[in-house]
Amino acid sequence: MGRRDALIVQHIPRLRRYARALLRDPDRAEDLVQETLARALDRFHFWHRGSDLRAWLFTLMHNQFVNDCRREGRRPVTFSLDGGPDPAAEADAASGAGLRDIGAALMRLPVEQRAVLLLVSLEGLSYRETARVLGIPPGTVMSRLHRARERLRHWLGETRDDGVQRLRSVK
């Protein structure tokens, strides 16, 4: 395996995780990852050495996702968490139900808000990196993230002891 391939391969687990969280369909997610990897290998000469390869790969994936949605002429399809493998299957019933509730709530978010929330909270990208990946201003990232968190708080009904709603960060 060459250096280029080794640099890209280390990011595959994160790409898979993001694609699965974005689409909630393992087959479509794997297709998206494969298309992203093919693009990355084909266009590796466009990556600027010294810049964040992870952010560049997420940019390729996001652009492929948007192109796929446009080509299909519709908004992304969402799937119930009841179909297919559930990441909570190995957890106890209470926490599994909680993860299904969170997953279902995530899928209710508009794709623009879900993408920002996943990149910041799940993948740990900064607001600036997320803005670069999605091709939007950092202020829009902060706005979408705030709206996504507020919607999740409302849908999940999570509150603190003092009655104020809260949503824990996912890391």
C-alpha atoms as a PDB file:
ATOM      1  CA  MET A   1       0.000   0.000   0.000  1.00  0.00           C
ATOM      2  CA  GLY A   2       1.405   3.375  -0.996  1.00  0.00           C
ATOM      3  CA  ARG A   3       1.680   6.435   1.191  1.00  0.00           C
ATOM      4  CA  ARG A   4      -1.340   8.054  -0.469  1.00  0.00           C
ATOM      5  CA  ASP A   5      -3.495   4.994   0.185  1.00  0.00           C
ATOM      6  CA  ALA A   6      -2.295   4.729   3.784  1.00  0.00           C
ATOM      7  CA  LEU A   7      -3.189   8.375   4.421  1.00  0.00           C
ATOM      8  CA  ILE A   8      -6.717   7.822   3.125  1.00  0.00           C
ATOM      9  CA  VAL A   9      -7.319   4.389   4.680  1.00  0.00           C
ATOM     10  CA  GLN A  10      -6.898   5.710   8.222  1.00  0.00           C
ATOM     11  CA  HIS A  11     -10.003   7.881   7.723  1.00  0.00           C
ATOM     12  CA  ILE A  12     -12.337   5.146   6.452  1.00  0.00           C
ATOM     13  CA  PRO A  13     -13.884   4.342   9.871  1.00  0.00           C
ATOM     14  CA  ARG A  14     -14.855   8.011  10.356  1.00  0.00           C
ATOM     15  CA  LEU A  15     -16.226   8.244   6.823  1.00  0.00           C
ATOM     16  CA  ARG A  16     -18.319   5.118   7.422  1.00  0.00           C
ATOM     17  CA  ARG A  17     -19.603   6.409  10.756  1.00  0.00           C
ATOM     18  CA  TYR A  18     -20.615   9.758   9.264  1.00  0.00           C
ATOM     19  CA  ALA A  19     -22.251   8.157   6.203  1.00  0.00           C
ATOM     20  CA  ARG A  20     -24.243   5.720   8.344  1.00  0.00           C
ATOM     21  CA  ALA A  21     -25.376   8.471  10.704  1.00  0.00           C
ATOM     22  CA  LEU A  22     -26.299  10.698   7.771  1.00  0.00           C
ATOM     23  CA  LEU A  23     -28.219   8.084   5.779  1.00  0.00           C
ATOM     24  CA  ARG A  24     -29.231   5.399   8.329  1.00  0.00           C
ATOM     25  CA  ASP A  25     -29.098   2.845   5.534  1.00  0.00           C
ATOM     26  CA  PRO A  26     -25.978   0.661   5.700  1.00  0.00           C
ATOM     27  CA  ASP A  27     -26.048  -0.190   1.994  1.00  0.00           C
ATOM     28  CA  ARG A  28     -26.430   3.398   0.816  1.00  0.00           C
ATOM     29  CA  ALA A  29     -23.851   4.515   3.377  1.00  0.00           C
ATOM     30  CA  GLU A  30     -21.327   1.972   2.104  1.00  0.00           C
ATOM     31  CA  ASP A  31     -21.995   3.105  -1.480  1.00  0.00           C
ATOM     32  CA  LEU A  32     -21.381   6.711  -0.426  1.00  0.00           C
ATOM     33  CA  VAL A  33     -18.106   5.757   1.272  1.00  0.00           C
ATOM     34  CA  GLN A  34     -16.960   3.813  -1.804  1.00  0.00           C
ATOM     35  CA  GLU A  35     -17.804   6.705  -4.127  1.00  0.00           C
ATOM     36  CA  THR A  36     -15.966   9.078  -1.801  1.00  0.00           C
ATOM     37  CA  LEU A  37     -12.886   6.870  -1.712  1.00  0.00           C
ATOM     38  CA  ALA A  38     -12.873   6.499  -5.495  1.00  0.00           C
ATOM     39  CA  ARG A  39     -13.071  10.278  -5.860  1.00  0.00           C
ATOM     40  CA  ALA A  40     -10.344  10.799  -3.285  1.00  0.00           C
ATOM     41  CA  LEU A  41      -7.975   8.435  -5.069  1.00  0.00           C
ATOM     42  CA  ASP A  42      -8.805   9.898  -8.462  1.00  0.00           C
ATOM     43  CA  ARG A  43      -8.438  13.494  -7.292  1.00  0.00           C
ATOM     44  CA  PHE A  44      -5.727  13.140  -4.674  1.00  0.00           C
ATOM     45  CA  HIS A  45      -3.548  15.554  -6.622  1.00  0.00           C
ATOM     46  CA  PHE A  46      -6.041  18.318  -5.696  1.00  0.00           C
ATOM     47  CA  TRP A  47      -5.426  17.845  -1.968  1.00  0.00           C
ATOM     48  CA  HIS A  48      -2.965  20.412  -0.633  1.00  0.00           C
ATOM     49  CA  ARG A  49      -0.248  18.718   1.413  1.00  0.00           C
ATOM     50  CA  GLY A  50      -0.297  20.157   4.926  1.00  0.00           C
ATOM     51  CA  SER A  51      -4.048  20.824   4.904  1.00  0.00           C
ATOM     52  CA  ASP A  52      -6.499  18.639   6.838  1.00  0.00           C
ATOM     53  CA  LEU A  53      -7.023  15.453   4.821  1.00  0.00           C
ATOM     54  CA  ARG A  54      -9.943  14.440   7.044  1.00  0.00           C
ATOM     55  CA  ALA A  55     -11.824  17.657   6.264  1.00  0.00           C
ATOM     56  CA  TRP A  56     -11.047  17.258   2.551  1.00  0.00           C
ATOM     57  CA  LEU A  57     -12.470  13.711   2.573  1.00  0.00           C
ATOM     58  CA  PHE A  58     -15.600  14.875   4.396  1.00  0.00           C
ATOM     59  CA  THR A  59     -15.966  17.626   1.794  1.00  0.00           C
ATOM     60  CA  LEU A  60     -15.802  15.053  -0.990  1.00  0.00           C
ATOM     61  CA  MET A  61     -18.375  12.912   0.825  1.00  0.00           C
ATOM     62  CA  HIS A  62     -20.725  15.811   1.456  1.00  0.00           C
ATOM     63  CA  ASN A  63     -20.532  16.936  -2.169  1.00  0.00           C
ATOM     64  CA  GLN A  64     -21.203  13.382  -3.374  1.00  0.00           C
ATOM     65  CA  PHE A  65     -24.174  13.134  -0.992  1.00  0.00           C
ATOM     66  CA  VAL A  66     -25.623  16.427  -2.281  1.00  0.00           C
ATOM     67  CA  ASN A  67     -25.066  15.371  -5.888  1.00  0.00           C
ATOM     68  CA  ASP A  68     -26.791  12.037  -5.254  1.00  0.00           C
ATOM     69  CA  CYS A  69     -29.776  13.823  -3.704  1.00  0.00           C
ATOM     70  CA  ARG A  70     -29.997  16.217  -6.655  1.00  0.00           C
ATOM     71  CA  ARG A  71     -29.672  13.410  -9.173  1.00  0.00           C
ATOM     72  CA  GLU A  72     -32.486  11.532  -7.476  1.00  0.00           C
ATOM     73  CA  GLY A  73     -34.542  14.728  -7.600  1.00  0.00           C
ATOM     74  CA  ARG A  74     -35.604  14.550  -4.008  1.00  0.00           C
ATOM     75  CA  ARG A  75     -34.588  15.080  -0.446  1.00  0.00           C
ATOM     76  CA  PRO A  76     -32.643  12.256   1.179  1.00  0.00           C
ATOM     77  CA  VAL A  77     -34.632   9.220   2.200  1.00  0.00           C
ATOM     78  CA  THR A  78     -34.684   8.470   5.898  1.00  0.00           C
ATOM     79  CA  PHE A  79     -35.116   5.019   7.316  1.00  0.00           C
ATOM     80  CA  SER A  80     -36.545   3.729  10.533  1.00  0.00           C
ATOM     81  CA  LEU A  81     -34.040   2.469  13.041  1.00  0.00           C
ATOM     82  CA  ASP A  82     -36.179  -0.637  13.410  1.00  0.00           C
ATOM     83  CA  GLY A  83     -34.945  -1.982  10.079  1.00  0.00           C
ATOM     84  CA  GLY A  84     -31.434  -3.386   9.860  1.00  0.00           C
ATOM     85  CA  PRO A  85     -28.640  -3.516  12.392  1.00  0.00           C
ATOM     86  CA  ASP A  86     -29.024  -1.263  15.403  1.00  0.00           C
ATOM     87  CA  PRO A  87     -25.902   0.066  17.131  1.00  0.00           C
ATOM     88  CA  ALA A  88     -27.727  -0.286  20.423  1.00  0.00           C
ATOM     89  CA  ALA A  89     -28.332  -4.010  19.995  1.00  0.00           C
ATOM     90  CA  GLU A  90     -25.552  -4.934  22.396  1.00  0.00           C
ATOM     91  CA  ALA A  91     -26.562  -2.354  25.003  1.00  0.00           C
ATOM     92  CA  ASP A  92     -29.128  -3.040  27.668  1.00  0.00           C
ATOM     93  CA  ALA A  93     -32.778  -2.409  26.823  1.00  0.00           C
ATOM     94  CA  ALA A  94     -33.023   0.988  28.531  1.00  0.00           C
ATOM     95  CA  SER A  95     -29.976   2.510  26.895  1.00  0.00           C
ATOM     96  CA  GLY A  96     -30.852   0.820  23.589  1.00  0.00           C
ATOM     97  CA  ALA A  97     -34.250   2.486  23.620  1.00  0.00           C
ATOM     98  CA  GLY A  98     -32.593   5.816  24.374  1.00  0.00           C
ATOM     99  CA  LEU A  99     -30.195   5.421  21.436  1.00  0.00           C
ATOM    100  CA  ARG A 100     -33.085   4.535  19.122  1.00  0.00           C
ATOM    101  CA  ASP A 101     -34.930   7.650  20.290  1.00  0.00           C
ATOM    102  CA  ILE A 102     -31.877   9.802  19.591  1.00  0.00           C
ATOM    103  CA  GLY A 103     -31.336   8.148  16.207  1.00  0.00           C
ATOM    104  CA  ALA A 104     -34.956   8.654  15.242  1.00  0.00           C
ATOM    105  CA  ALA A 105     -34.802  12.289  16.367  1.00  0.00           C
ATOM    106  CA  LEU A 106     -31.618  12.817  14.334  1.00  0.00           C
ATOM    107  CA  MET A 107     -33.352  11.498  11.227  1.00  0.00           C
ATOM    108  CA  ARG A 108     -36.196  13.979  11.753  1.00  0.00           C
ATOM    109  CA  LEU A 109     -33.755  16.886  11.480  1.00  0.00           C
ATOM    110  CA  PRO A 110     -33.394  18.590   8.103  1.00  0.00           C
ATOM    111  CA  VAL A 111     -30.309  17.180   6.391  1.00  0.00           C
ATOM    112  CA  GLU A 112     -28.542  20.564   6.624  1.00  0.00           C
ATOM    113  CA  GLN A 113     -28.865  20.613  10.414  1.00  0.00           C
ATOM    114  CA  ARG A 114     -28.115  16.894  10.778  1.00  0.00           C
ATOM    115  CA  ALA A 115     -24.891  17.217   8.756  1.00  0.00           C
ATOM    116  CA  VAL A 116     -23.650  20.107  10.918  1.00  0.00           C
ATOM    117  CA  LEU A 117     -24.559  18.338  14.163  1.00  0.00           C
ATOM    118  CA  LEU A 118     -22.831  15.110  13.105  1.00  0.00           C
ATOM    119  CA  LEU A 119     -19.659  16.813  11.877  1.00  0.00           C
ATOM    120  CA  VAL A 120     -19.283  18.945  15.013  1.00  0.00           C
ATOM    121  CA  SER A 121     -20.539  16.585  17.721  1.00  0.00           C
ATOM    122  CA  LEU A 122     -19.735  13.150  16.358  1.00  0.00           C
ATOM    123  CA  GLU A 123     -16.668  13.778  14.202  1.00  0.00           C
ATOM    124  CA  GLY A 124     -15.202  16.575  16.319  1.00  0.00           C
ATOM    125  CA  LEU A 125     -14.632  19.043  13.501  1.00  0.00           C
ATOM    126  CA  SER A 126     -14.332  22.683  14.454  1.00  0.00           C
ATOM    127  CA  TYR A 127     -16.914  25.208  13.271  1.00  0.00           C
ATOM    128  CA  ARG A 128     -14.405  26.491  10.722  1.00  0.00           C
ATOM    129  CA  GLU A 129     -13.642  22.981   9.428  1.00  0.00           C
ATOM    130  CA  THR A 130     -17.344  22.157   9.263  1.00  0.00           C
ATOM    131  CA  ALA A 131     -17.999  25.376   7.344  1.00  0.00           C
ATOM    132  CA  ARG A 132     -15.263  24.455   4.877  1.00  0.00           C
ATOM    133  CA  VAL A 133     -16.602  20.898   4.451  1.00  0.00           C
ATOM    134  CA  LEU A 134     -20.162  22.084   3.833  1.00  0.00           C
ATOM    135  CA  GLY A 135     -19.240  25.198   1.868  1.00  0.00           C
ATOM    136  CA  ILE A 136     -21.119  27.562   4.185  1.00  0.00           C
ATOM    137  CA  PRO A 137     -20.067  30.454   6.449  1.00  0.00           C
ATOM    138  CA  PRO A 138     -19.075  29.626  10.065  1.00  0.00           C
ATOM    139  CA  GLY A 139     -22.009  31.713  11.312  1.00  0.00           C
ATOM    140  CA  THR A 140     -24.377  29.434   9.403  1.00  0.00           C
ATOM    141  CA  VAL A 141     -22.726  26.426  11.042  1.00  0.00           C
ATOM    142  CA  MET A 142     -23.351  27.915  14.485  1.00  0.00           C
ATOM    143  CA  SER A 143     -26.944  28.788  13.600  1.00  0.00           C
ATOM    144  CA  ARG A 144     -27.749  25.334  12.198  1.00  0.00           C
ATOM    145  CA  LEU A 145     -26.057  23.648  15.133  1.00  0.00           C
ATOM    146  CA  HIS A 146     -28.061  25.716  17.606  1.00  0.00           C
ATOM    147  CA  ARG A 147     -31.338  24.962  15.815  1.00  0.00           C
ATOM    148  CA  ALA A 148     -30.515  21.252  15.595  1.00  0.00           C
ATOM    149  CA  ARG A 149     -29.711  21.037  19.296  1.00  0.00           C
ATOM    150  CA  GLU A 150     -32.849  22.953  20.222  1.00  0.00           C
ATOM    151  CA  ARG A 151     -35.027  20.639  18.118  1.00  0.00           C
ATOM    152  CA  LEU A 152     -33.437  17.561  19.651  1.00  0.00           C
ATOM    153  CA  ARG A 153     -33.931  18.954  23.140  1.00  0.00           C
ATOM    154  CA  HIS A 154     -37.573  19.590  22.375  1.00  0.00           C
ATOM    155  CA  TRP A 155     -38.191  16.186  20.765  1.00  0.00           C
ATOM    156  CA  LEU A 156     -36.314  14.223  23.410  1.00  0.00           C
ATOM    157  CA  GLY A 157     -37.733  16.275  26.270  1.00  0.00           C
ATOM    158  CA  GLU A 158     -34.453  16.180  28.156  1.00  0.00           C
ATOM    159  CA  THR A 159     -34.320  18.446  31.187  1.00  0.00           C
ATOM    160  CA  ARG A 160     -31.907  19.139  34.030  1.00  0.00           C
ATOM    161  CA  ASP A 161     -32.859  19.092  37.709  1.00  0.00           C
ATOM    162  CA  ASP A 162     -33.672  22.826  37.550  1.00  0.00           C
ATOM    163  CA  GLY A 163     -36.162  22.220  34.708  1.00  0.00           C
ATOM    164  CA  VAL A 164     -33.950  23.697  31.982  1.00  0.00           C
ATOM    165  CA  GLN A 165     -33.736  21.546  28.876  1.00  0.00           C
ATOM    166  CA  ARG A 166     -30.328  20.148  28.008  1.00  0.00           C
ATOM    167  CA  LEU A 167     -28.671  17.926  25.461  1.00  0.00           C
ATOM    168  CA  ARG A 168     -25.420  16.192  26.228  1.00  0.00           C
ATOM    169  CA  SER A 169     -22.578  16.464  23.764  1.00  0.00           C
ATOM    170  CA  VAL A 170     -21.805  13.300  21.833  1.00  0.00           C
ATOM    171  CA  LYS A 171     -18.073  12.545  21.738  1.00  0.00           C
END
